Amino acid sequence: MKQSRKTSLRYCSLLLLLAAGIQSASAQTDIDGIMMARKNLCIGPMYGYSSWKNYWEGTLKRENLNLGTVSSQMYSVMGAYGVTNKVNILFGAPYVTTKASAGTLHGMKGFQDASLWVKYRPLKEKLGKGELSVFGLAGLSAPMSNYVADYLPLSLGLRSKTLSLRAMADYQLGKWFATISGTYVLRDNIKIDRDAYYTTEMHYTNKVDMPDAMSFNFRAGYRYNDIVAEAFIDNWTTLGGFDITRNNMPFPSNRMNATRLGANAKYHLKNLKWVQLVVNGSHVIAGRNVGQSTSINTGLFFILDFAKKHSPVSSSPKAQP
C-alpha cells in the first residue's frame, strides 16, 4: 500500500505552534504520528494569537491592573521534509510581538527562537486490529536575535538554547487514533543585562542557571484520508526554579508549569489538492507562574513533491506503508 498525497497533507496540517502561555523556546507540534513521504516538502506561513488576563503567582491565581491583558502574536514559516519514509526533518522560524493593555511596560517585537527537529520511526507494525508506530525525536532551538530575556512577561522568549529528546507511540484503529509522548528538554544557561539579581538568594553575576523541563502530551481523534480532527491535553513542568515573589515581575528561571486542553482541525481545499488550511486552539486550565492563556493558531500549507518532475498537483508521492 502506498502513502498518498492526502497523507502528506494530513501530516502537514499538524505543523502548528501550540502556545501555552509559557515563554519557552520553540513549540512546533512534532507530536503527531504521521510521516512525510520521501522527498516531499510541506511548508507554509502560520499566524498565532495568545492572550491572558489572569495568571498564577506561584500557586496564587490573580490579575494585575498594571498589566491588564497581555497578548502576543506570532508570524512564522514552518515546514517538514521527508528525507526518507522513516526520517523527517521539521523546522520553524517565528517572529513575535508582545504587548500589555495597561500600565507603562512597552511591548517587544522581533525574531524569537529557530527550531530544528529530526523525527525517526523505527517501528510500524500491526497490533491487534490496529497499527502501532513508535517514534524517536531530537530537536534543537536557538535564539535568532539578541532579544531581552529578563523582561517577562513581555519578553519574546527565554533566549536559552535547548536540546529536546522525545519518545512517542501512536496507535491507529480504523479511522480513530491515539498518540502519547514524553519529552525531556535540556536548557542552556543564559546571560542577562544586569550584574546582580535575587531569586531565593542574592546572585552577584549576570549568568542565570536555567532548569531543565519535561513535557507530556496525549491526543486522540479522527484521522482518515485528508481529514484530521483531534483533541489533546498536555503538561509542561519545569524541573527546578522558584516562584514569582509577591507583586514582582517574573524571572527567566522561575518554575513555569502549565496544563492545557486544546483541539486541532484542518480543511482540505477541494479544488487545490496540494493546499490545506489548518486551525487549532488551546486553553491553560492549570499552572504555576504562567498566564492562563487562550491561544488560536491558523496556517496555510503547501506540498512540494521533489520525487516527481511534474507538478505536485497531479502527482501522488510514494512512501512506505
C-alpha atoms as a PDB file:
ATOM      1  CA  MET A   1       0.000   0.000   0.000  1.00  0.00           C
ATOM      2  CA  LYS A   2       1.264   3.481  -0.864  1.00  0.00           C
ATOM      3  CA  GLN A   3       1.150   6.621   1.178  1.00  0.00           C
ATOM      4  CA  SER A   4      -0.899   9.175  -0.791  1.00  0.00           C
ATOM      5  CA  ARG A   5      -0.669  12.943  -1.078  1.00  0.00           C
ATOM      6  CA  LYS A   6      -3.615  13.054   1.306  1.00  0.00           C
ATOM      7  CA  THR A   7      -1.393  11.529   3.988  1.00  0.00           C
ATOM      8  CA  SER A   8       1.310  14.123   3.407  1.00  0.00           C
ATOM      9  CA  LEU A   9      -1.270  16.904   3.617  1.00  0.00           C
ATOM     10  CA  ARG A  10      -2.697  15.372   6.755  1.00  0.00           C
ATOM     11  CA  TYR A  11       0.747  15.373   8.332  1.00  0.00           C
ATOM     12  CA  CYS A  12       1.361  18.920   7.181  1.00  0.00           C
ATOM     13  CA  SER A  13      -1.795  20.065   8.942  1.00  0.00           C
ATOM     14  CA  LEU A  14      -0.251  19.255  12.333  1.00  0.00           C
ATOM     15  CA  LEU A  15       2.731  21.587  12.000  1.00  0.00           C
ATOM     16  CA  LEU A  16       1.244  24.158  14.357  1.00  0.00           C
ATOM     17  CA  LEU A  17       2.727  26.263  17.101  1.00  0.00           C
ATOM     18  CA  LEU A  18       0.819  25.492  20.301  1.00  0.00           C
ATOM     19  CA  ALA A  19       1.495  28.490  22.545  1.00  0.00           C
ATOM     20  CA  ALA A  20       0.892  27.567  26.179  1.00  0.00           C
ATOM     21  CA  GLY A  21       1.428  30.916  27.854  1.00  0.00           C
ATOM     22  CA  ILE A  22       4.943  29.734  28.777  1.00  0.00           C
ATOM     23  CA  GLN A  23       7.754  31.802  27.315  1.00  0.00           C
ATOM     24  CA  SER A  24       9.571  28.708  26.190  1.00  0.00           C
ATOM     25  CA  ALA A  25      11.753  28.098  23.223  1.00  0.00           C
ATOM     26  CA  SER A  26      10.314  26.604  20.101  1.00  0.00           C
ATOM     27  CA  ALA A  27       6.998  24.920  20.127  1.00  0.00           C
ATOM     28  CA  GLN A  28       6.054  23.357  16.923  1.00  0.00           C
ATOM     29  CA  THR A  29       3.965  20.175  17.073  1.00  0.00           C
ATOM     30  CA  ASP A  30       6.345  17.418  16.164  1.00  0.00           C
ATOM     31  CA  ILE A  31       3.936  15.290  18.213  1.00  0.00           C
ATOM     32  CA  ASP A  32       1.812  13.618  15.543  1.00  0.00           C
ATOM     33  CA  GLY A  33       2.017  10.001  14.420  1.00  0.00           C
ATOM     34  CA  ILE A  34       2.374  10.588  10.668  1.00  0.00           C
ATOM     35  CA  MET A  35       5.463  10.842   8.441  1.00  0.00           C
ATOM     36  CA  MET A  36       6.012  12.954   5.342  1.00  0.00           C
ATOM     37  CA  ALA A  37       6.671  10.945   2.193  1.00  0.00           C
ATOM     38  CA  ARG A  38      10.234  10.760   0.869  1.00  0.00           C
ATOM     39  CA  LYS A  39      11.323  13.934  -0.980  1.00  0.00           C
ATOM     40  CA  ASN A  40       8.096  15.738  -0.085  1.00  0.00           C
ATOM     41  CA  LEU A  41       8.281  19.205   1.449  1.00  0.00           C
ATOM     42  CA  CYS A  42       5.404  20.686   3.425  1.00  0.00           C
ATOM     43  CA  ILE A  43       5.886  24.395   4.061  1.00  0.00           C
ATOM     44  CA  GLY A  44       3.773  27.429   4.769  1.00  0.00           C
ATOM     45  CA  PRO A  45       3.072  30.546   6.844  1.00  0.00           C
ATOM     46  CA  MET A  46       1.417  30.486  10.248  1.00  0.00           C
ATOM     47  CA  TYR A  47      -0.237  33.084  12.428  1.00  0.00           C
ATOM     48  CA  GLY A  48      -0.918  32.711  16.140  1.00  0.00           C
ATOM     49  CA  TYR A  49      -2.567  34.879  18.781  1.00  0.00           C
ATOM     50  CA  SER A  50      -2.414  34.270  22.530  1.00  0.00           C
ATOM     51  CA  SER A  51      -3.668  36.367  25.448  1.00  0.00           C
ATOM     52  CA  TRP A  52      -4.239  36.198  29.175  1.00  0.00           C
ATOM     53  CA  LYS A  53      -5.551  38.436  31.950  1.00  0.00           C
ATOM     54  CA  ASN A  54      -5.248  36.137  34.953  1.00  0.00           C
ATOM     55  CA  TYR A  55      -2.011  34.405  35.906  1.00  0.00           C
ATOM     56  CA  TRP A  56      -0.520  32.305  38.665  1.00  0.00           C
ATOM     57  CA  GLU A  57       1.941  33.982  41.036  1.00  0.00           C
ATOM     58  CA  GLY A  58       3.315  30.761  42.438  1.00  0.00           C
ATOM     59  CA  THR A  59       0.099  28.895  43.218  1.00  0.00           C
ATOM     60  CA  LEU A  60      -1.934  32.084  43.754  1.00  0.00           C
ATOM     61  CA  LYS A  61      -4.193  32.913  40.821  1.00  0.00           C
ATOM     62  CA  ARG A  62      -4.610  36.662  40.353  1.00  0.00           C
ATOM     63  CA  GLU A  63      -4.762  39.571  37.940  1.00  0.00           C
ATOM     64  CA  ASN A  64      -2.576  42.683  37.731  1.00  0.00           C
ATOM     65  CA  LEU A  65      -4.192  46.003  36.826  1.00  0.00           C
ATOM     66  CA  ASN A  66      -0.756  47.355  35.868  1.00  0.00           C
ATOM     67  CA  LEU A  67      -0.652  44.796  33.052  1.00  0.00           C
ATOM     68  CA  GLY A  68      -4.268  44.408  32.012  1.00  0.00           C
ATOM     69  CA  THR A  69      -4.408  41.818  29.238  1.00  0.00           C
ATOM     70  CA  VAL A  70      -1.056  40.522  27.984  1.00  0.00           C
ATOM     71  CA  SER A  71      -1.114  39.334  24.383  1.00  0.00           C
ATOM     72  CA  SER A  72       1.319  38.051  21.794  1.00  0.00           C
ATOM     73  CA  GLN A  73       1.198  37.496  18.062  1.00  0.00           C
ATOM     74  CA  MET A  74       3.346  35.049  16.124  1.00  0.00           C
ATOM     75  CA  TYR A  75       4.173  35.089  12.413  1.00  0.00           C
ATOM     76  CA  SER A  76       6.122  32.049  11.331  1.00  0.00           C
ATOM     77  CA  VAL A  77       7.328  29.902   8.475  1.00  0.00           C
ATOM     78  CA  MET A  78       7.154  26.223   9.368  1.00  0.00           C
ATOM     79  CA  GLY A  79       7.777  23.052   7.450  1.00  0.00           C
ATOM     80  CA  ALA A  80       8.674  19.378   7.271  1.00  0.00           C
ATOM     81  CA  TYR A  81      10.732  17.445   4.726  1.00  0.00           C
ATOM     82  CA  GLY A  82      10.792  13.708   4.121  1.00  0.00           C
ATOM     83  CA  VAL A  83      14.441  12.675   3.885  1.00  0.00           C
ATOM     84  CA  THR A  84      13.258   9.069   3.726  1.00  0.00           C
ATOM     85  CA  ASN A  85       9.959   7.419   4.577  1.00  0.00           C
ATOM     86  CA  LYS A  86      11.310   6.821   8.096  1.00  0.00           C
ATOM     87  CA  VAL A  87      13.269  10.059   8.674  1.00  0.00           C
ATOM     88  CA  ASN A  88      11.776  13.549   8.592  1.00  0.00           C
ATOM     89  CA  ILE A  89      13.209  16.982   9.312  1.00  0.00           C
ATOM     90  CA  LEU A  90      10.966  19.676  10.806  1.00  0.00           C
ATOM     91  CA  PHE A  91      11.769  23.360  11.206  1.00  0.00           C
ATOM     92  CA  GLY A  92      10.268  26.663  12.298  1.00  0.00           C
ATOM     93  CA  ALA A  93      11.284  30.338  12.435  1.00  0.00           C
ATOM     94  CA  PRO A  94       8.873  32.640  14.326  1.00  0.00           C
ATOM     95  CA  TYR A  95       8.616  36.435  14.517  1.00  0.00           C
ATOM     96  CA  VAL A  96       6.830  37.506  17.722  1.00  0.00           C
ATOM     97  CA  THR A  97       5.220  40.703  19.026  1.00  0.00           C
ATOM     98  CA  THR A  98       4.009  41.259  22.610  1.00  0.00           C
ATOM     99  CA  LYS A  99       2.052  43.974  24.401  1.00  0.00           C
ATOM    100  CA  ALA A 100       0.143  44.769  27.587  1.00  0.00           C
ATOM    101  CA  SER A 101      -3.158  46.666  27.503  1.00  0.00           C
ATOM    102  CA  ALA A 102      -2.445  48.651  30.680  1.00  0.00           C
ATOM    103  CA  GLY A 103       0.471  50.124  32.608  1.00  0.00           C
ATOM    104  CA  THR A 104       3.765  51.535  31.390  1.00  0.00           C
ATOM    105  CA  LEU A 105       5.594  48.408  30.189  1.00  0.00           C
ATOM    106  CA  HIS A 106       6.090  48.542  26.436  1.00  0.00           C
ATOM    107  CA  GLY A 107       5.761  45.516  24.195  1.00  0.00           C
ATOM    108  CA  MET A 108       8.544  43.909  22.212  1.00  0.00           C
ATOM    109  CA  LYS A 109       8.886  42.541  18.698  1.00  0.00           C
ATOM    110  CA  GLY A 110      11.492  40.543  16.811  1.00  0.00           C
ATOM    111  CA  PHE A 111      12.625  37.089  15.763  1.00  0.00           C
ATOM    112  CA  GLN A 112      12.358  34.556  18.548  1.00  0.00           C
ATOM    113  CA  ASP A 113      13.913  31.043  18.522  1.00  0.00           C
ATOM    114  CA  ALA A 114      14.511  28.925  15.438  1.00  0.00           C
ATOM    115  CA  SER A 115      13.909  25.196  15.862  1.00  0.00           C
ATOM    116  CA  LEU A 116      15.065  22.086  14.038  1.00  0.00           C
ATOM    117  CA  TRP A 117      13.813  18.549  14.696  1.00  0.00           C
ATOM    118  CA  VAL A 118      14.750  15.119  13.366  1.00  0.00           C
ATOM    119  CA  LYS A 119      11.970  12.557  13.553  1.00  0.00           C
ATOM    120  CA  TYR A 120      12.640   8.828  13.172  1.00  0.00           C
ATOM    121  CA  ARG A 121      10.134   5.975  13.006  1.00  0.00           C
ATOM    122  CA  PRO A 122      11.883   2.653  13.791  1.00  0.00           C
ATOM    123  CA  LEU A 123       8.691   0.613  14.141  1.00  0.00           C
ATOM    124  CA  LYS A 124       5.360   0.352  12.355  1.00  0.00           C
ATOM    125  CA  GLU A 125       3.570  -2.945  12.933  1.00  0.00           C
ATOM    126  CA  LYS A 126       0.113  -4.464  13.098  1.00  0.00           C
ATOM    127  CA  LEU A 127      -1.085  -4.845  16.692  1.00  0.00           C
ATOM    128  CA  GLY A 128      -4.476  -6.435  17.209  1.00  0.00           C
ATOM    129  CA  LYS A 129      -6.966  -4.828  14.818  1.00  0.00           C
ATOM    130  CA  GLY A 130      -4.920  -1.644  14.560  1.00  0.00           C
ATOM    131  CA  GLU A 131      -1.431  -0.406  13.762  1.00  0.00           C
ATOM    132  CA  LEU A 132       1.261   0.711  16.203  1.00  0.00           C
ATOM    133  CA  SER A 133       4.003   3.174  15.290  1.00  0.00           C
ATOM    134  CA  VAL A 134       6.927   4.129  17.543  1.00  0.00           C
ATOM    135  CA  PHE A 135       8.969   7.302  17.081  1.00  0.00           C
ATOM    136  CA  GLY A 136      12.117   8.903  18.428  1.00  0.00           C
ATOM    137  CA  LEU A 137      12.765  12.635  18.038  1.00  0.00           C
ATOM    138  CA  ALA A 138      15.597  15.039  18.759  1.00  0.00           C
ATOM    139  CA  GLY A 139      15.245  18.800  18.499  1.00  0.00           C
ATOM    140  CA  LEU A 140      17.425  21.898  18.822  1.00  0.00           C
ATOM    141  CA  SER A 141      16.419  25.512  19.280  1.00  0.00           C
ATOM    142  CA  ALA A 142      18.433  28.726  19.446  1.00  0.00           C
ATOM    143  CA  PRO A 143      17.628  32.460  19.520  1.00  0.00           C
ATOM    144  CA  MET A 144      17.598  34.197  16.138  1.00  0.00           C
ATOM    145  CA  SER A 145      18.094  37.646  17.695  1.00  0.00           C
ATOM    146  CA  ASN A 146      19.603  39.207  20.794  1.00  0.00           C
ATOM    147  CA  TYR A 147      16.235  39.938  22.398  1.00  0.00           C
ATOM    148  CA  VAL A 148      15.924  40.756  26.101  1.00  0.00           C
ATOM    149  CA  ALA A 149      15.049  37.668  28.155  1.00  0.00           C
ATOM    150  CA  ASP A 150      14.841  39.455  31.507  1.00  0.00           C
ATOM    151  CA  TYR A 151      11.664  41.396  30.677  1.00  0.00           C
ATOM    152  CA  LEU A 152       8.895  38.925  31.455  1.00  0.00           C
ATOM    153  CA  PRO A 153       6.003  38.687  30.797  1.00  0.00           C
ATOM    154  CA  LEU A 154       6.667  40.761  27.659  1.00  0.00           C
ATOM    155  CA  SER A 155       9.925  39.096  26.574  1.00  0.00           C
ATOM    156  CA  LEU A 156       9.863  37.288  23.248  1.00  0.00           C
ATOM    157  CA  GLY A 157      11.265  34.152  24.892  1.00  0.00           C
ATOM    158  CA  LEU A 158      13.850  32.953  27.396  1.00  0.00           C
ATOM    159  CA  ARG A 159      16.830  33.131  24.985  1.00  0.00           C
ATOM    160  CA  SER A 160      18.066  29.729  26.115  1.00  0.00           C
ATOM    161  CA  LYS A 161      19.477  27.197  23.675  1.00  0.00           C
ATOM    162  CA  THR A 162      17.691  23.865  24.113  1.00  0.00           C
ATOM    163  CA  LEU A 163      18.065  20.192  23.261  1.00  0.00           C
ATOM    164  CA  SER A 164      14.851  18.146  23.332  1.00  0.00           C
ATOM    165  CA  LEU A 165      14.581  14.353  23.302  1.00  0.00           C
ATOM    166  CA  ARG A 166      11.180  12.749  22.758  1.00  0.00           C
ATOM    167  CA  ALA A 167       9.724   9.236  22.695  1.00  0.00           C
ATOM    168  CA  MET A 168       6.313   8.771  21.126  1.00  0.00           C
ATOM    169  CA  ALA A 169       3.836   5.987  20.340  1.00  0.00           C
ATOM    170  CA  ASP A 170       0.828   6.179  18.003  1.00  0.00           C
ATOM    171  CA  TYR A 171      -1.957   3.619  17.639  1.00  0.00           C
ATOM    172  CA  GLN A 172      -4.441   3.774  14.756  1.00  0.00           C
ATOM    173  CA  LEU A 173      -7.610   1.667  14.819  1.00  0.00           C
ATOM    174  CA  GLY A 174      -9.635   2.185  11.685  1.00  0.00           C
ATOM    175  CA  LYS A 175     -10.345   5.891  11.394  1.00  0.00           C
ATOM    176  CA  TRP A 176      -9.532   6.614  15.054  1.00  0.00           C
ATOM    177  CA  PHE A 177      -6.165   7.106  16.727  1.00  0.00           C
ATOM    178  CA  ALA A 178      -4.411   7.920  19.979  1.00  0.00           C
ATOM    179  CA  THR A 179      -0.886   9.290  20.435  1.00  0.00           C
ATOM    180  CA  ILE A 180       1.171   9.647  23.616  1.00  0.00           C
ATOM    181  CA  SER A 181       4.602  11.215  24.025  1.00  0.00           C
ATOM    182  CA  GLY A 182       7.086  12.363  26.642  1.00  0.00           C
ATOM    183  CA  THR A 183       9.879  14.914  26.184  1.00  0.00           C
ATOM    184  CA  TYR A 184      12.931  15.931  28.195  1.00  0.00           C
ATOM    185  CA  VAL A 185      14.229  19.454  27.491  1.00  0.00           C
ATOM    186  CA  LEU A 186      17.804  20.377  28.373  1.00  0.00           C
ATOM    187  CA  ARG A 187      18.209  24.158  28.614  1.00  0.00           C
ATOM    188  CA  ASP A 188      21.433  26.119  28.403  1.00  0.00           C
ATOM    189  CA  ASN A 189      22.166  28.879  30.919  1.00  0.00           C
ATOM    190  CA  ILE A 190      21.666  32.478  29.823  1.00  0.00           C
ATOM    191  CA  LYS A 191      23.122  35.917  30.500  1.00  0.00           C
ATOM    192  CA  ILE A 192      21.022  38.943  31.434  1.00  0.00           C
ATOM    193  CA  ASP A 193      21.706  42.688  31.297  1.00  0.00           C
ATOM    194  CA  ARG A 194      22.468  43.210  34.991  1.00  0.00           C
ATOM    195  CA  ASP A 195      25.275  42.179  37.296  1.00  0.00           C
ATOM    196  CA  ALA A 196      23.201  41.051  40.265  1.00  0.00           C
ATOM    197  CA  TYR A 197      19.755  39.599  40.860  1.00  0.00           C
ATOM    198  CA  TYR A 198      17.744  37.904  43.605  1.00  0.00           C
ATOM    199  CA  THR A 199      15.952  34.563  43.368  1.00  0.00           C
ATOM    200  CA  THR A 200      15.716  32.864  46.754  1.00  0.00           C
ATOM    201  CA  GLU A 201      19.170  34.279  47.456  1.00  0.00           C
ATOM    202  CA  MET A 202      21.421  37.021  46.073  1.00  0.00           C
ATOM    203  CA  HIS A 203      23.471  36.288  42.944  1.00  0.00           C
ATOM    204  CA  TYR A 204      26.313  38.662  42.032  1.00  0.00           C
ATOM    205  CA  THR A 205      26.576  37.649  38.386  1.00  0.00           C
ATOM    206  CA  ASN A 206      24.833  38.141  35.062  1.00  0.00           C
ATOM    207  CA  LYS A 207      24.602  34.376  34.489  1.00  0.00           C
ATOM    208  CA  VAL A 208      21.304  32.605  35.176  1.00  0.00           C
ATOM    209  CA  ASP A 209      21.081  28.846  35.741  1.00  0.00           C
ATOM    210  CA  MET A 210      18.135  27.623  33.684  1.00  0.00           C
ATOM    211  CA  PRO A 211      16.365  24.488  34.987  1.00  0.00           C
ATOM    212  CA  ASP A 212      15.560  21.693  32.561  1.00  0.00           C
ATOM    213  CA  ALA A 213      11.964  20.765  31.822  1.00  0.00           C
ATOM    214  CA  MET A 214       9.729  17.842  30.895  1.00  0.00           C
ATOM    215  CA  SER A 215       6.509  17.686  28.907  1.00  0.00           C
ATOM    216  CA  PHE A 216       3.858  15.039  28.306  1.00  0.00           C
ATOM    217  CA  ASN A 217       1.211  15.012  25.610  1.00  0.00           C
ATOM    218  CA  PHE A 218      -1.821  12.858  24.860  1.00  0.00           C
ATOM    219  CA  ARG A 219      -4.006  13.366  21.805  1.00  0.00           C
ATOM    220  CA  ALA A 220      -6.778  11.363  20.218  1.00  0.00           C
ATOM    221  CA  GLY A 221      -9.299  11.773  17.444  1.00  0.00           C
ATOM    222  CA  TYR A 222     -10.280  11.052  13.863  1.00  0.00           C
ATOM    223  CA  ARG A 223      -7.677  10.544  11.124  1.00  0.00           C
ATOM    224  CA  TYR A 224      -8.715   9.284   7.713  1.00  0.00           C
ATOM    225  CA  ASN A 225      -7.594  10.234   4.197  1.00  0.00           C
ATOM    226  CA  ASP A 226      -7.176  14.028   4.190  1.00  0.00           C
ATOM    227  CA  ILE A 227      -9.126  14.701   7.401  1.00  0.00           C
ATOM    228  CA  VAL A 228      -7.648  15.137  10.879  1.00  0.00           C
ATOM    229  CA  ALA A 229      -9.669  16.250  13.901  1.00  0.00           C
ATOM    230  CA  GLU A 230      -8.244  15.742  17.367  1.00  0.00           C
ATOM    231  CA  ALA A 231      -8.387  16.850  20.989  1.00  0.00           C
ATOM    232  CA  PHE A 232      -5.320  16.968  23.214  1.00  0.00           C
ATOM    233  CA  ILE A 233      -4.106  17.521  26.734  1.00  0.00           C
ATOM    234  CA  ASP A 234      -0.512  18.322  27.573  1.00  0.00           C
ATOM    235  CA  ASN A 235       1.594  19.307  30.541  1.00  0.00           C
ATOM    236  CA  TRP A 236       4.819  21.298  30.807  1.00  0.00           C
ATOM    237  CA  THR A 237       6.808  21.027  34.068  1.00  0.00           C
ATOM    238  CA  THR A 238       9.975  22.940  34.908  1.00  0.00           C
ATOM    239  CA  LEU A 239      12.404  20.775  36.899  1.00  0.00           C
ATOM    240  CA  GLY A 240      13.518  23.365  39.409  1.00  0.00           C
ATOM    241  CA  GLY A 241      13.346  27.133  39.642  1.00  0.00           C
ATOM    242  CA  PHE A 242      11.410  29.286  42.121  1.00  0.00           C
ATOM    243  CA  ASP A 243       8.079  31.073  42.398  1.00  0.00           C
ATOM    244  CA  ILE A 244       7.403  34.683  41.454  1.00  0.00           C
ATOM    245  CA  THR A 245       7.574  36.735  44.644  1.00  0.00           C
ATOM    246  CA  ARG A 246       4.539  38.804  45.652  1.00  0.00           C
ATOM    247  CA  ASN A 247       3.867  41.729  43.267  1.00  0.00           C
ATOM    248  CA  ASN A 248       7.160  41.155  41.459  1.00  0.00           C
ATOM    249  CA  MET A 249       7.962  40.549  37.796  1.00  0.00           C
ATOM    250  CA  PRO A 250       8.577  37.011  36.551  1.00  0.00           C
ATOM    251  CA  PHE A 251      12.173  35.879  36.107  1.00  0.00           C
ATOM    252  CA  PRO A 252      13.600  33.567  33.390  1.00  0.00           C
ATOM    253  CA  SER A 253      14.476  30.779  35.849  1.00  0.00           C
ATOM    254  CA  ASN A 254      11.066  30.716  37.556  1.00  0.00           C
ATOM    255  CA  ARG A 255       9.327  27.385  37.912  1.00  0.00           C
ATOM    256  CA  MET A 256       6.840  27.526  34.999  1.00  0.00           C
ATOM    257  CA  ASN A 257       4.243  24.747  34.884  1.00  0.00           C
ATOM    258  CA  ALA A 258       1.132  24.540  32.727  1.00  0.00           C
ATOM    259  CA  THR A 259      -1.565  22.056  31.738  1.00  0.00           C
ATOM    260  CA  ARG A 260      -3.515  22.749  28.540  1.00  0.00           C
ATOM    261  CA  LEU A 261      -6.581  21.448  26.786  1.00  0.00           C
ATOM    262  CA  GLY A 262      -6.967  22.024  23.083  1.00  0.00           C
ATOM    263  CA  ALA A 263      -8.135  20.856  19.681  1.00  0.00           C
ATOM    264  CA  ASN A 264      -6.775  20.753  16.121  1.00  0.00           C
ATOM    265  CA  ALA A 265      -8.710  20.700  12.860  1.00  0.00           C
ATOM    266  CA  LYS A 266      -7.920  21.077   9.167  1.00  0.00           C
ATOM    267  CA  TYR A 267      -9.767  21.814   5.968  1.00  0.00           C
ATOM    268  CA  HIS A 268      -8.632  20.351   2.675  1.00  0.00           C
ATOM    269  CA  LEU A 269      -9.220  22.823  -0.168  1.00  0.00           C
ATOM    270  CA  LYS A 270     -11.388  20.944  -2.647  1.00  0.00           C
ATOM    271  CA  ASN A 271     -10.051  22.481  -5.866  1.00  0.00           C
ATOM    272  CA  LEU A 272      -6.406  22.706  -4.713  1.00  0.00           C
ATOM    273  CA  LYS A 273      -5.368  19.189  -3.737  1.00  0.00           C
ATOM    274  CA  TRP A 274      -1.938  20.318  -2.517  1.00  0.00           C
ATOM    275  CA  VAL A 275      -3.158  23.100  -0.174  1.00  0.00           C
ATOM    276  CA  GLN A 276      -4.536  22.921   3.362  1.00  0.00           C
ATOM    277  CA  LEU A 277      -5.970  25.417   5.813  1.00  0.00           C
ATOM    278  CA  VAL A 278      -5.381  24.395   9.434  1.00  0.00           C
ATOM    279  CA  VAL A 279      -6.657  25.791  12.730  1.00  0.00           C
ATOM    280  CA  ASN A 280      -6.124  24.966  16.388  1.00  0.00           C
ATOM    281  CA  GLY A 281      -6.965  26.398  19.773  1.00  0.00           C
ATOM    282  CA  SER A 282      -5.933  25.742  23.363  1.00  0.00           C
ATOM    283  CA  HIS A 283      -6.562  26.999  26.896  1.00  0.00           C
ATOM    284  CA  VAL A 284      -4.417  26.681  30.026  1.00  0.00           C
ATOM    285  CA  ILE A 285      -6.507  25.027  32.737  1.00  0.00           C
ATOM    286  CA  ALA A 286      -3.870  24.855  35.500  1.00  0.00           C
ATOM    287  CA  GLY A 287      -0.500  26.450  36.031  1.00  0.00           C
ATOM    288  CA  ARG A 288       2.241  27.895  38.180  1.00  0.00           C
ATOM    289  CA  ASN A 289       3.993  31.195  37.376  1.00  0.00           C
ATOM    290  CA  VAL A 290       2.353  31.374  33.926  1.00  0.00           C
ATOM    291  CA  GLY A 291      -0.562  33.226  32.384  1.00  0.00           C
ATOM    292  CA  GLN A 292      -3.900  31.473  31.940  1.00  0.00           C
ATOM    293  CA  SER A 293      -3.728  31.938  28.216  1.00  0.00           C
ATOM    294  CA  THR A 294      -6.117  31.184  25.405  1.00  0.00           C
ATOM    295  CA  SER A 295      -4.417  30.645  22.036  1.00  0.00           C
ATOM    296  CA  ILE A 296      -5.635  30.444  18.454  1.00  0.00           C
ATOM    297  CA  ASN A 297      -3.395  29.483  15.528  1.00  0.00           C
ATOM    298  CA  THR A 298      -4.014  29.132  11.816  1.00  0.00           C
ATOM    299  CA  GLY A 299      -1.824  28.275   8.848  1.00  0.00           C
ATOM    300  CA  LEU A 300      -1.822  27.629   5.133  1.00  0.00           C
ATOM    301  CA  PHE A 301       0.473  24.832   3.988  1.00  0.00           C
ATOM    302  CA  PHE A 302       1.655  23.627   0.593  1.00  0.00           C
ATOM    303  CA  ILE A 303       3.054  20.273  -0.561  1.00  0.00           C
ATOM    304  CA  LEU A 304       6.009  20.214  -2.962  1.00  0.00           C
ATOM    305  CA  ASP A 305       6.914  16.819  -4.414  1.00  0.00           C
ATOM    306  CA  PHE A 306      10.603  16.681  -5.371  1.00  0.00           C
ATOM    307  CA  ALA A 307      10.365  12.967  -6.149  1.00  0.00           C
ATOM    308  CA  LYS A 308       8.443  13.801  -9.330  1.00  0.00           C
ATOM    309  CA  LYS A 309       9.499  16.015 -12.191  1.00  0.00           C
ATOM    310  CA  HIS A 310       5.980  17.175 -12.900  1.00  0.00           C
ATOM    311  CA  SER A 311       3.638  19.325 -10.833  1.00  0.00           C
ATOM    312  CA  PRO A 312       2.590  18.019  -7.402  1.00  0.00           C
ATOM    313  CA  VAL A 313      -0.988  18.902  -8.320  1.00  0.00           C
ATOM    314  CA  SER A 314      -1.234  15.801 -10.492  1.00  0.00           C
ATOM    315  CA  SER A 315       1.296  13.549  -8.795  1.00  0.00           C
ATOM    316  CA  SER A 316       0.969  11.169  -5.913  1.00  0.00           C
ATOM    317  CA  PRO A 317       4.185  10.725  -3.845  1.00  0.00           C
ATOM    318  CA  LYS A 318       5.319   7.265  -2.935  1.00  0.00           C
ATOM    319  CA  ALA A 319       6.051   6.374   0.638  1.00  0.00           C
ATOM    320  CA  GLN A 320       6.405   3.429   2.938  1.00  0.00           C
ATOM    321  CA  PRO A 321       3.027   1.993   4.020  1.00  0.00           C
END
